[in-house]
N, C-alpha and C. Protein backbone atom coordinates (compact mmCIF):
# COMPACT_ATOMS: atom_id res chain seq x y z
N MET A 1 2.29 49.63 10.12
CA MET A 1 2.20 50.76 10.63
C MET A 1 2.41 51.81 12.03
N ALA A 2 2.70 52.71 11.37
CA ALA A 2 3.39 53.77 12.47
C ALA A 2 2.69 53.85 13.27
N SER A 3 2.84 54.33 14.91
CA SER A 3 2.35 54.83 15.75
C SER A 3 1.87 56.30 15.51
N GLU A 4 1.00 56.60 16.05
CA GLU A 4 0.85 58.45 16.14
C GLU A 4 1.74 59.36 16.90
N GLN A 5 2.39 58.52 17.38
CA GLN A 5 3.33 59.34 18.25
C GLN A 5 5.02 59.04 17.47
N SER A 6 5.02 58.00 16.65
CA SER A 6 6.10 58.20 15.74
C SER A 6 5.77 59.56 14.40
N LYS A 7 4.43 59.09 14.21
CA LYS A 7 4.09 60.50 12.96
C LYS A 7 4.34 61.53 13.60
N GLU A 8 3.95 61.95 15.06
CA GLU A 8 3.98 63.44 15.32
C GLU A 8 5.37 63.39 15.28
N LEU A 9 6.20 62.39 15.80
CA LEU A 9 7.91 62.90 16.42
C LEU A 9 8.44 63.20 14.85
N TYR A 10 8.18 62.43 13.62
CA TYR A 10 8.74 62.48 12.42
C TYR A 10 8.26 64.09 12.02
N GLN A 11 6.94 64.60 12.16
CA GLN A 11 6.45 65.74 11.87
C GLN A 11 7.63 66.92 12.48
N LEU A 12 7.56 67.02 13.87
CA LEU A 12 8.49 67.41 14.67
C LEU A 12 9.72 67.67 13.95
N LEU A 13 10.33 66.86 13.91
CA LEU A 13 11.70 66.42 13.29
C LEU A 13 11.99 67.55 12.01
N ILE A 14 11.15 67.28 11.41
CA ILE A 14 10.66 67.69 9.83
C ILE A 14 10.73 69.36 10.14
N SER A 15 9.73 69.54 10.67
CA SER A 15 9.92 71.12 11.24
C SER A 15 10.46 71.88 11.99
N ARG A 16 12.00 70.97 12.13
CA ARG A 16 13.14 71.43 13.00
C ARG A 16 13.88 71.69 12.30
N GLY A 17 13.25 71.18 11.03
CA GLY A 17 14.91 71.46 9.72
C GLY A 17 15.73 70.25 9.65
N TYR A 18 15.41 69.31 10.61
CA TYR A 18 16.56 67.59 10.13
C TYR A 18 16.08 67.34 8.66
N PRO A 19 17.61 66.70 8.28
CA PRO A 19 17.03 65.52 6.80
C PRO A 19 15.85 65.02 6.99
N LYS A 20 15.49 65.00 5.95
CA LYS A 20 13.97 63.87 5.49
C LYS A 20 14.64 62.45 5.87
N ASP A 21 15.67 61.79 5.38
CA ASP A 21 15.85 60.76 5.51
C ASP A 21 16.29 60.73 7.43
N LEU A 22 16.82 61.12 7.85
CA LEU A 22 17.48 61.15 9.00
C LEU A 22 15.75 61.19 10.03
N CYS A 23 15.01 61.73 9.80
CA CYS A 23 14.16 62.23 10.45
C CYS A 23 12.97 60.45 9.93
N SER A 24 12.98 59.99 8.80
CA SER A 24 12.31 58.79 8.46
C SER A 24 13.01 57.78 9.37
N GLU A 25 14.21 57.63 9.42
CA GLU A 25 14.99 56.97 10.31
C GLU A 25 14.48 56.78 11.80
N ILE A 26 14.66 57.66 12.13
CA ILE A 26 14.49 57.82 13.51
C ILE A 26 12.86 57.28 13.88
N ALA A 27 12.32 58.06 13.19
CA ALA A 27 10.37 58.14 13.69
C ALA A 27 10.37 56.91 13.26
N TYR A 28 10.64 56.24 12.15
CA TYR A 28 9.94 55.16 12.03
C TYR A 28 10.84 53.82 11.85
N LYS A 29 11.78 53.87 11.95
CA LYS A 29 12.91 52.41 12.34
C LYS A 29 13.25 52.07 13.66
N HIS A 30 13.51 53.38 14.32
CA HIS A 30 13.87 53.23 15.74
C HIS A 30 13.29 53.59 16.76
N MET A 31 12.60 54.58 16.31
CA MET A 31 11.61 55.33 17.49
C MET A 31 9.96 54.94 17.34
N ASN A 32 9.96 53.34 17.03
CA ASN A 32 8.74 53.00 16.06
C ASN A 32 7.60 52.79 16.95
N THR A 33 8.16 52.43 18.73
CA THR A 33 6.71 52.45 19.44
C THR A 33 6.79 53.84 20.26
N ASP A 34 5.26 53.32 20.78
CA ASP A 34 4.64 54.48 21.62
C ASP A 34 5.53 54.93 22.84
N TYR A 35 6.09 53.96 23.16
CA TYR A 35 7.23 54.33 24.72
C TYR A 35 8.61 54.84 24.09
N THR A 36 8.92 54.75 23.20
CA THR A 36 10.25 55.32 22.46
C THR A 36 10.17 56.79 22.07
N ALA A 37 8.99 56.81 21.24
CA ALA A 37 8.52 58.14 20.61
C ALA A 37 8.46 59.09 21.47
N THR A 38 7.18 58.83 22.59
CA THR A 38 7.31 59.59 23.53
C THR A 38 7.93 60.16 24.21
N ARG A 39 9.27 59.34 24.59
CA ARG A 39 10.60 59.81 25.50
C ARG A 39 11.16 60.74 24.31
N MET A 40 10.83 60.87 23.07
CA MET A 40 12.15 61.26 22.09
C MET A 40 11.06 62.67 22.19
N LEU A 41 9.66 62.76 21.65
CA LEU A 41 9.20 63.76 21.75
C LEU A 41 9.62 65.07 23.26
N GLY A 42 9.24 64.01 24.02
CA GLY A 42 9.44 64.70 25.64
C GLY A 42 10.73 65.76 25.68
N TYR A 43 12.12 65.00 24.87
CA TYR A 43 13.46 65.18 24.52
C TYR A 43 13.19 66.67 24.05
N LEU A 44 12.59 66.30 22.78
CA LEU A 44 12.70 67.47 21.62
C LEU A 44 11.37 68.84 22.44
N TYR A 45 10.65 68.95 23.15
CA TYR A 45 10.09 69.51 23.51
C TYR A 45 10.64 70.41 24.84
N ARG A 46 11.76 69.65 25.69
CA ARG A 46 12.73 70.21 26.27
C ARG A 46 13.84 71.10 25.71
N ILE A 47 14.75 70.40 24.67
CA ILE A 47 15.96 70.92 24.09
C ILE A 47 15.50 71.12 22.53
N THR A 48 15.13 72.60 22.44
CA THR A 48 14.29 72.86 21.32
C THR A 48 14.77 72.73 20.12
N ASN A 49 16.42 72.65 19.99
CA ASN A 49 17.16 72.22 18.70
C ASN A 49 18.24 71.89 19.04
N PRO A 50 18.24 70.44 19.27
CA PRO A 50 19.81 70.25 19.49
C PRO A 50 20.90 69.47 18.33
N ARG A 51 21.68 69.62 18.25
CA ARG A 51 22.80 69.08 17.27
C ARG A 51 22.20 67.89 17.08
N ILE A 52 22.53 67.28 15.37
CA ILE A 52 21.95 66.07 15.08
C ILE A 52 22.98 64.77 16.29
N GLU A 53 24.11 65.29 16.40
CA GLU A 53 25.02 63.95 17.64
C GLU A 53 23.85 64.18 18.31
N ASP A 54 23.89 64.99 19.06
CA ASP A 54 22.87 65.07 20.62
C ASP A 54 21.69 64.42 20.47
N LEU A 55 21.03 64.59 19.35
CA LEU A 55 19.80 64.04 18.87
C LEU A 55 19.67 62.07 18.67
N ILE A 56 20.81 62.12 17.75
CA ILE A 56 20.93 60.51 18.16
C ILE A 56 21.62 59.87 19.41
N ASP A 57 22.37 60.56 19.94
CA ASP A 57 23.09 60.46 21.27
C ASP A 57 21.58 60.03 21.96
N GLU A 58 20.27 61.00 22.06
CA GLU A 58 19.67 60.49 22.84
C GLU A 58 18.54 59.15 22.73
N MET A 59 18.28 59.30 21.12
CA MET A 59 18.17 57.88 20.53
C MET A 59 18.47 56.47 21.43
N LEU A 60 19.79 56.76 21.01
CA LEU A 60 20.43 55.39 21.57
C LEU A 60 20.03 55.59 22.89
N SER A 61 20.44 56.69 23.93
CA SER A 61 20.12 56.28 24.93
C SER A 61 18.47 55.53 25.49
N ILE A 62 17.58 56.19 24.99
CA ILE A 62 16.22 55.90 24.85
C ILE A 62 16.12 54.43 24.55
N LEU A 63 16.85 53.63 23.50
CA LEU A 63 16.82 52.58 22.66
C LEU A 63 17.28 51.59 24.26
N SER A 64 18.52 52.19 24.36
CA SER A 64 19.30 51.43 25.82
C SER A 64 18.15 51.02 26.60
N ASP A 65 17.61 51.91 27.00
CA ASP A 65 16.51 52.02 27.95
C ASP A 65 15.56 50.78 28.16
N ARG A 66 14.94 51.05 27.03
CA ARG A 66 14.25 50.15 26.56
C ARG A 66 14.86 48.65 26.58
N ASP A 67 15.93 48.73 26.00
CA ASP A 67 16.42 47.24 26.01
C ASP A 67 16.60 46.46 27.85
N ALA A 68 16.75 47.47 28.27
CA ALA A 68 17.06 47.23 30.03
C ALA A 68 15.86 46.96 30.61
N ILE A 69 14.75 47.80 30.05
CA ILE A 69 13.24 47.30 30.82
C ILE A 69 13.13 45.93 30.02
N ILE A 70 13.25 45.58 29.21
CA ILE A 70 12.84 44.17 28.51
C ILE A 70 13.62 43.08 29.21
N GLN A 71 14.76 43.55 29.29
CA GLN A 71 15.39 42.28 30.02
C GLN A 71 15.31 42.04 31.34
N LYS A 72 14.98 43.33 32.05
CA LYS A 72 14.35 42.83 33.15
C LYS A 72 13.34 42.56 33.57
N LYS A 73 12.46 42.59 32.54
CA LYS A 73 11.15 41.94 32.49
C LYS A 73 11.29 40.51 31.99
N GLU A 74 12.16 39.73 31.35
CA GLU A 74 12.35 38.70 31.25
C GLU A 74 13.30 37.92 32.11
N TYR A 75 13.70 38.50 32.83
CA TYR A 75 14.68 38.16 33.94
C TYR A 75 13.59 37.95 35.35
N GLU A 76 12.49 38.71 35.40
CA GLU A 76 11.65 38.21 36.29
C GLU A 76 10.96 37.45 35.90
N HIS A 77 10.17 37.18 34.37
CA HIS A 77 9.76 36.21 34.50
C HIS A 77 10.32 34.66 34.53
N ALA A 78 11.25 34.62 34.18
CA ALA A 78 12.49 33.66 34.68
C ALA A 78 12.78 33.32 36.16
N GLN A 79 12.91 33.95 36.47
CA GLN A 79 12.34 33.89 38.13
C GLN A 79 11.25 33.50 38.99
N SER A 80 10.46 34.08 38.19
CA SER A 80 9.03 33.67 38.75
C SER A 80 8.84 32.16 38.52
N VAL A 81 9.02 31.65 36.88
CA VAL A 81 9.20 30.32 36.98
C VAL A 81 9.78 29.44 37.89
N ILE A 82 11.50 29.89 38.02
CA ILE A 82 12.23 29.26 39.03
C ILE A 82 11.50 29.08 40.03
N ASN A 83 10.91 30.09 40.98
CA ASN A 83 10.30 29.97 42.32
C ASN A 83 8.93 29.15 41.88
N ASP A 84 8.36 29.17 41.32
CA ASP A 84 6.96 28.01 41.25
C ASP A 84 7.72 26.74 40.90
N VAL A 85 8.71 26.32 40.24
CA VAL A 85 9.06 25.01 40.40
C VAL A 85 9.57 24.60 41.91
N TYR A 86 10.59 25.43 42.27
CA TYR A 86 10.95 25.28 43.77
C TYR A 86 9.80 25.16 44.50
N ARG A 87 8.88 26.02 44.78
CA ARG A 87 7.70 25.42 45.57
C ARG A 87 6.73 24.52 44.93
N ASN A 88 6.81 24.00 44.07
CA ASN A 88 5.73 23.02 43.12
C ASN A 88 6.19 21.41 42.96
N GLY A 89 7.37 21.64 43.06
CA GLY A 89 8.24 20.91 41.50
C GLY A 89 7.98 21.15 40.30
N LEU A 90 8.66 20.03 39.60
CA LEU A 90 8.13 19.91 37.93
C LEU A 90 7.15 19.35 37.63
């Protein structure tokens, strides 16, 4: 089930005249979380009619940021476990 932000993103992309298949791919496959859809919506409200290439570039940038955040959280958790082992032993 798509989030409300993903649905809003899809409708905005359609209203801007982008191809339906591209809109569906972006909104429901790649920008399918509140975080990513909200970031893309923000971009589209700032930049009114980006070229398709710029739209895809922004999507890839947002996904890269999301992956970096996920990786940072994983590293922080791993470091927390290591610190606990150092303090309390196995």
